[in-house]
C-alpha atoms as a PDB file:
ATOM      1  CA  UNK A   1     -29.168 -49.291-166.173  1.00  0.00           C
ATOM      2  CA  UNK A   2     -29.563 -45.524-166.407  1.00  0.00           C
ATOM      3  CA  UNK A   3     -32.176 -43.521-168.279  1.00  0.00           C
ATOM      4  CA  UNK A   4     -31.790 -39.896-169.165  1.00  0.00           C
ATOM      5  CA  UNK A   5     -34.921 -37.929-169.811  1.00  0.00           C
ATOM      6  CA  UNK A   6     -34.787 -34.355-170.981  1.00  0.00           C
ATOM      7  CA  UNK A   7     -37.946 -32.416-170.326  1.00  0.00           C
ATOM      8  CA  UNK A   8     -38.360 -28.867-171.554  1.00  0.00           C
ATOM      9  CA  UNK A   9     -39.412 -26.657-168.709  1.00  0.00           C
ATOM     10  CA  UNK A  10     -41.940 -24.059-169.645  1.00  0.00           C
ATOM     11  CA  UNK A  11     -43.928 -21.579-167.652  1.00  0.00           C
ATOM     12  CA  UNK A  12     -47.094 -23.559-168.394  1.00  0.00           C
ATOM     13  CA  UNK A  13     -45.695 -26.917-167.212  1.00  0.00           C
ATOM     14  CA  UNK A  14     -47.754 -28.476-164.508  1.00  0.00           C
ATOM     15  CA  UNK A  15     -45.681 -29.440-161.455  1.00  0.00           C
ATOM     16  CA  UNK A  16     -47.892 -32.514-161.013  1.00  0.00           C
ATOM     17  CA  UNK A  17     -46.955 -33.814-164.483  1.00  0.00           C
ATOM     18  CA  UNK A  18     -43.291 -33.386-163.637  1.00  0.00           C
ATOM     19  CA  UNK A  19     -43.726 -35.200-160.306  1.00  0.00           C
ATOM     20  CA  UNK A  20     -45.604 -38.015-162.035  1.00  0.00           C
ATOM     21  CA  UNK A  21     -42.871 -38.395-164.663  1.00  0.00           C
ATOM     22  CA  UNK A  22     -40.155 -38.687-162.008  1.00  0.00           C
ATOM     23  CA  UNK A  23     -42.298 -41.091-159.946  1.00  0.00           C
ATOM     24  CA  UNK A  24     -42.688 -43.414-162.930  1.00  0.00           C
ATOM     25  CA  UNK A  25     -38.952 -43.306-163.587  1.00  0.00           C
ATOM     26  CA  UNK A  26     -38.175 -44.005-159.925  1.00  0.00           C
ATOM     27  CA  UNK A  27     -40.697 -46.869-159.722  1.00  0.00           C
ATOM     28  CA  UNK A  28     -39.394 -48.450-162.925  1.00  0.00           C
ATOM     29  CA  UNK A  29     -35.807 -48.158-161.697  1.00  0.00           C
ATOM     30  CA  UNK A  30     -36.519 -49.824-158.341  1.00  0.00           C
ATOM     31  CA  UNK A  31     -38.489 -52.586-160.049  1.00  0.00           C
ATOM     32  CA  UNK A  32     -35.538 -53.335-162.304  1.00  0.00           C
ATOM     33  CA  UNK A  33     -33.194 -53.347-159.295  1.00  0.00           C
ATOM     34  CA  UNK A  34     -35.451 -55.685-157.339  1.00  0.00           C
ATOM     35  CA  UNK A  35     -35.703 -58.113-160.245  1.00  0.00           C
ATOM     36  CA  UNK A  36     -31.977 -58.140-160.828  1.00  0.00           C
ATOM     37  CA  UNK A  37     -31.327 -58.872-157.117  1.00  0.00           C
ATOM     38  CA  UNK A  38     -33.690 -61.841-157.217  1.00  0.00           C
ATOM     39  CA  UNK A  39     -31.998 -63.221-160.297  1.00  0.00           C
ATOM     40  CA  UNK A  40     -28.494 -62.959-158.835  1.00  0.00           C
ATOM     41  CA  UNK A  41     -28.508 -64.365-155.288  1.00  0.00           C
ATOM     42  CA  UNK A  42     -26.070 -62.977-152.751  1.00  0.00           C
ATOM     43  CA  UNK A  43     -24.686 -66.452-152.020  1.00  0.00           C
ATOM     44  CA  UNK A  44     -22.901 -68.094-154.938  1.00  0.00           C
ATOM     45  CA  UNK A  45     -24.108 -71.471-156.149  1.00  0.00           C
ATOM     46  CA  UNK A  46     -20.869 -73.137-155.024  1.00  0.00           C
ATOM     47  CA  UNK A  47     -21.349 -71.610-151.524  1.00  0.00           C
ATOM     48  CA  UNK A  48     -17.612 -71.276-150.987  1.00  0.00           C
ATOM     49  CA  UNK A  49     -17.346 -67.550-150.330  1.00  0.00           C
ATOM     50  CA  UNK A  50     -19.593 -64.564-149.932  1.00  0.00           C
ATOM     51  CA  UNK A  51     -18.801 -61.035-151.157  1.00  0.00           C
ATOM     52  CA  UNK A  52     -16.834 -60.045-148.036  1.00  0.00           C
ATOM     53  CA  UNK A  53     -14.430 -62.944-148.672  1.00  0.00           C
ATOM     54  CA  UNK A  54     -15.378 -65.082-145.662  1.00  0.00           C
ATOM     55  CA  UNK A  55     -16.475 -68.684-145.943  1.00  0.00           C
ATOM     56  CA  UNK A  56     -20.215 -69.229-146.150  1.00  0.00           C
ATOM     57  CA  UNK A  57     -21.523 -71.607-143.504  1.00  0.00           C
ATOM     58  CA  UNK A  58     -25.209 -72.374-143.984  1.00  0.00           C
ATOM     59  CA  UNK A  59     -27.342 -72.451-140.848  1.00  0.00           C
ATOM     60  CA  UNK A  60     -28.174 -75.979-139.888  1.00  0.00           C
ATOM     61  CA  UNK A  61     -31.739 -76.872-139.116  1.00  0.00           C
ATOM     62  CA  UNK A  62     -31.828 -78.471-135.672  1.00  0.00           C
ATOM     63  CA  UNK A  63     -35.029 -80.227-134.640  1.00  0.00           C
ATOM     64  CA  UNK A  64     -36.816 -78.339-131.859  1.00  0.00           C
ATOM     65  CA  UNK A  65     -36.438 -81.234-129.392  1.00  0.00           C
ATOM     66  CA  UNK A  66     -32.648 -81.234-129.892  1.00  0.00           C
ATOM     67  CA  UNK A  67     -32.039 -77.470-129.835  1.00  0.00           C
ATOM     68  CA  UNK A  68     -31.643 -77.342-126.040  1.00  0.00           C
ATOM     69  CA  UNK A  69     -30.127 -80.318-124.229  1.00  0.00           C
ATOM     70  CA  UNK A  70     -29.896 -81.147-120.528  1.00  0.00           C
ATOM     71  CA  UNK A  71     -26.391 -82.569-120.156  1.00  0.00           C
ATOM     72  CA  UNK A  72     -26.399 -83.039-116.407  1.00  0.00           C
ATOM     73  CA  UNK A  73     -28.539 -82.943-113.290  1.00  0.00           C
ATOM     74  CA  UNK A  74     -27.721 -83.053-109.591  1.00  0.00           C
ATOM     75  CA  UNK A  75     -29.674 -82.988-106.339  1.00  0.00           C
ATOM     76  CA  UNK A  76     -28.161 -84.321-103.140  1.00  0.00           C
ATOM     77  CA  UNK A  77     -30.203 -85.400-100.140  1.00  0.00           C
ATOM     78  CA  UNK A  78     -29.137 -82.443 -98.005  1.00  0.00           C
ATOM     79  CA  UNK A  79     -29.788 -79.812-100.682  1.00  0.00           C
ATOM     80  CA  UNK A  80     -32.834 -77.663-101.308  1.00  0.00           C
ATOM     81  CA  UNK A  81     -31.438 -76.846-104.759  1.00  0.00           C
ATOM     82  CA  UNK A  82     -31.189 -78.723-108.032  1.00  0.00           C
ATOM     83  CA  UNK A  83     -28.442 -78.081-110.583  1.00  0.00           C
ATOM     84  CA  UNK A  84     -28.848 -78.456-114.329  1.00  0.00           C
ATOM     85  CA  UNK A  85     -26.290 -78.230-117.123  1.00  0.00           C
ATOM     86  CA  UNK A  86     -28.053 -76.811-120.185  1.00  0.00           C
ATOM     87  CA  UNK A  87     -26.504 -76.762-123.662  1.00  0.00           C
ATOM     88  CA  UNK A  88     -27.608 -74.431-126.453  1.00  0.00           C
ATOM     89  CA  UNK A  89     -27.191 -76.405-129.687  1.00  0.00           C
ATOM     90  CA  UNK A  90     -28.598 -73.628-131.901  1.00  0.00           C
ATOM     91  CA  UNK A  91     -26.637 -70.999-133.806  1.00  0.00           C
ATOM     92  CA  UNK A  92     -28.429 -68.219-131.925  1.00  0.00           C
ATOM     93  CA  UNK A  93     -28.111 -66.762-128.427  1.00  0.00           C
ATOM     94  CA  UNK A  94     -30.855 -68.241-126.257  1.00  0.00           C
ATOM     95  CA  UNK A  95     -32.278 -65.944-123.555  1.00  0.00           C
ATOM     96  CA  UNK A  96     -35.065 -67.979-121.961  1.00  0.00           C
ATOM     97  CA  UNK A  97     -35.927 -71.672-121.753  1.00  0.00           C
ATOM     98  CA  UNK A  98     -39.094 -73.387-120.568  1.00  0.00           C
ATOM     99  CA  UNK A  99     -38.784 -77.035-119.485  1.00  0.00           C
ATOM    100  CA  UNK A 100     -41.142 -79.597-118.026  1.00  0.00           C
ATOM    101  CA  UNK A 101     -39.418 -81.765-115.418  1.00  0.00           C
ATOM    102  CA  UNK A 102     -41.068 -85.031-114.404  1.00  0.00           C
ATOM    103  CA  UNK A 103     -39.830 -86.643-111.179  1.00  0.00           C
ATOM    104  CA  UNK A 104     -40.193 -90.443-110.955  1.00  0.00           C
ATOM    105  CA  UNK A 105     -39.259 -93.302-108.668  1.00  0.00           C
ATOM    106  CA  UNK A 106     -36.723 -95.834-109.981  1.00  0.00           C
ATOM    107  CA  UNK A 107     -39.771 -97.984-110.846  1.00  0.00           C
ATOM    108  CA  UNK A 108     -41.109 -95.174-113.109  1.00  0.00           C
ATOM    109  CA  UNK A 109     -43.938 -94.128-110.783  1.00  0.00           C
ATOM    110  CA  UNK A 110     -44.513 -90.407-111.017  1.00  0.00           C
ATOM    111  CA  UNK A 111     -43.720 -88.354-107.911  1.00  0.00           C
ATOM    112  CA  UNK A 112     -44.245 -84.840-109.212  1.00  0.00           C
ATOM    113  CA  UNK A 113     -43.840 -82.613-112.238  1.00  0.00           C
ATOM    114  CA  UNK A 114     -43.405 -78.926-112.867  1.00  0.00           C
ATOM    115  CA  UNK A 115     -42.655 -76.417-115.561  1.00  0.00           C
ATOM    116  CA  UNK A 116     -39.742 -74.056-115.050  1.00  0.00           C
ATOM    117  CA  UNK A 117     -38.278 -71.025-116.800  1.00  0.00           C
ATOM    118  CA  UNK A 118     -34.516 -70.566-117.018  1.00  0.00           C
ATOM    119  CA  UNK A 119     -33.692 -66.910-117.653  1.00  0.00           C
ATOM    120  CA  UNK A 120     -30.039 -66.493-118.618  1.00  0.00           C
ATOM    121  CA  UNK A 121     -28.251 -65.969-121.895  1.00  0.00           C
ATOM    122  CA  UNK A 122     -26.582 -69.025-123.385  1.00  0.00           C
ATOM    123  CA  UNK A 123     -24.361 -68.336-126.375  1.00  0.00           C
ATOM    124  CA  UNK A 124     -24.542 -70.608-129.432  1.00  0.00           C
ATOM    125  CA  UNK A 125     -22.957 -74.008-128.808  1.00  0.00           C
ATOM    126  CA  UNK A 126     -22.228 -73.211-125.155  1.00  0.00           C
ATOM    127  CA  UNK A 127     -23.290 -74.880-121.891  1.00  0.00           C
ATOM    128  CA  UNK A 128     -24.402 -73.084-118.727  1.00  0.00           C
ATOM    129  CA  UNK A 129     -25.110 -74.306-115.200  1.00  0.00           C
ATOM    130  CA  UNK A 130     -28.435 -73.354-113.617  1.00  0.00           C
ATOM    131  CA  UNK A 131     -29.436 -73.728-109.986  1.00  0.00           C
ATOM    132  CA  UNK A 132     -33.148 -73.908-109.140  1.00  0.00           C
ATOM    133  CA  UNK A 133     -35.183 -74.523-105.994  1.00  0.00           C
ATOM    134  CA  UNK A 134     -35.857 -78.220-105.522  1.00  0.00           C
ATOM    135  CA  UNK A 135     -39.252 -79.868-105.604  1.00  0.00           C
ATOM    136  CA  UNK A 136     -38.064 -81.639-102.423  1.00  0.00           C
ATOM    137  CA  UNK A 137     -38.558 -79.004 -99.715  1.00  0.00           C
ATOM    138  CA  UNK A 138     -38.173 -81.530 -96.872  1.00  0.00           C
ATOM    139  CA  UNK A 139     -34.878 -83.009 -98.090  1.00  0.00           C
ATOM    140  CA  UNK A 140     -36.149 -86.587 -98.299  1.00  0.00           C
ATOM    141  CA  UNK A 141     -35.227 -87.302-101.931  1.00  0.00           C
ATOM    142  CA  UNK A 142     -31.949 -87.561-103.790  1.00  0.00           C
ATOM    143  CA  UNK A 143     -31.147 -87.944-107.461  1.00  0.00           C
ATOM    144  CA  UNK A 144     -30.346 -91.614-108.021  1.00  0.00           C
ATOM    145  CA  UNK A 145     -26.929 -90.790-109.529  1.00  0.00           C
ATOM    146  CA  UNK A 146     -25.845 -89.005-106.300  1.00  0.00           C
ATOM    147  CA  UNK A 147     -26.768 -91.418-103.474  1.00  0.00           C
ATOM    148  CA  UNK A 148     -26.234 -90.345 -99.857  1.00  0.00           C
ATOM    149  CA  UNK A 149     -23.786 -92.031 -97.532  1.00  0.00           C
ATOM    150  CA  UNK A 150     -24.134 -93.172 -93.934  1.00  0.00           C
ATOM    151  CA  UNK A 151     -27.313 -93.588 -91.909  1.00  0.00           C
ATOM    152  CA  UNK A 152     -29.254 -90.986 -93.886  1.00  0.00           C
ATOM    153  CA  UNK A 153     -29.803 -93.464 -96.721  1.00  0.00           C
ATOM    154  CA  UNK A 154     -32.354 -95.399 -94.617  1.00  0.00           C
ATOM    155  CA  UNK A 155     -34.826 -92.514 -94.460  1.00  0.00           C
ATOM    156  CA  UNK A 156     -34.346 -91.184 -98.003  1.00  0.00           C
ATOM    157  CA  UNK A 157     -35.746 -91.980-101.425  1.00  0.00           C
ATOM    158  CA  UNK A 158     -34.077 -91.985-104.842  1.00  0.00           C
ATOM    159  CA  UNK A 159     -35.681 -90.368-107.865  1.00  0.00           C
ATOM    160  CA  UNK A 160     -34.937 -89.938-111.530  1.00  0.00           C
ATOM    161  CA  UNK A 161     -36.115 -87.305-113.968  1.00  0.00           C
ATOM    162  CA  UNK A 162     -37.193 -86.713-117.545  1.00  0.00           C
ATOM    163  CA  UNK A 163     -37.155 -83.379-119.349  1.00  0.00           C
ATOM    164  CA  UNK A 164     -39.308 -81.984-122.110  1.00  0.00           C
ATOM    165  CA  UNK A 165     -38.351 -78.789-123.902  1.00  0.00           C
ATOM    166  CA  UNK A 166     -41.465 -76.620-124.166  1.00  0.00           C
ATOM    167  CA  UNK A 167     -40.019 -73.345-125.436  1.00  0.00           C
ATOM    168  CA  UNK A 168     -36.874 -71.344-125.981  1.00  0.00           C
ATOM    169  CA  UNK A 169     -36.418 -67.686-126.869  1.00  0.00           C
ATOM    170  CA  UNK A 170     -33.592 -66.309-128.979  1.00  0.00           C
ATOM    171  CA  UNK A 171     -32.028 -62.857-128.915  1.00  0.00           C
ATOM    172  CA  UNK A 172     -32.209 -60.843-132.116  1.00  0.00           C
ATOM    173  CA  UNK A 173     -29.309 -58.390-132.112  1.00  0.00           C
ATOM    174  CA  UNK A 174     -27.263 -56.423-134.603  1.00  0.00           C
END
């Protein structure tokens, strides 16, 4: 919608009145534009296509607890490292994750717990392997899914783990 206003310019015309007139016109025009954008959403009701012709895929709401998943864990008896396979189930790039790991005996008695930060980018829907220092500095424990072989099993102890997602950060990019 366009408005044409013709104002006679005279020597006595106050520049402030002219500025005010144009300000009112500009404000009214932007108000009309803002209202018309609210009334016509950018995504059609049928949600099949968007103006650039691509298919519209709505972002899925993933519960916080399910946004980051631990798909695998490994710690052998001889290792001072633990390996984790972490999956980003969001539609955003994750840059930092905070987890609480609880270490337990096979009888569910707590051995230890700690909170860790994992600082690497994980693209949406992708899985990344992380290696962290083990809670077991003396190499006496092994993850129950990776039992040791030979004589070393007599002086070692199995453990299992539980994870709690405490936080994850996403990257906001252009």
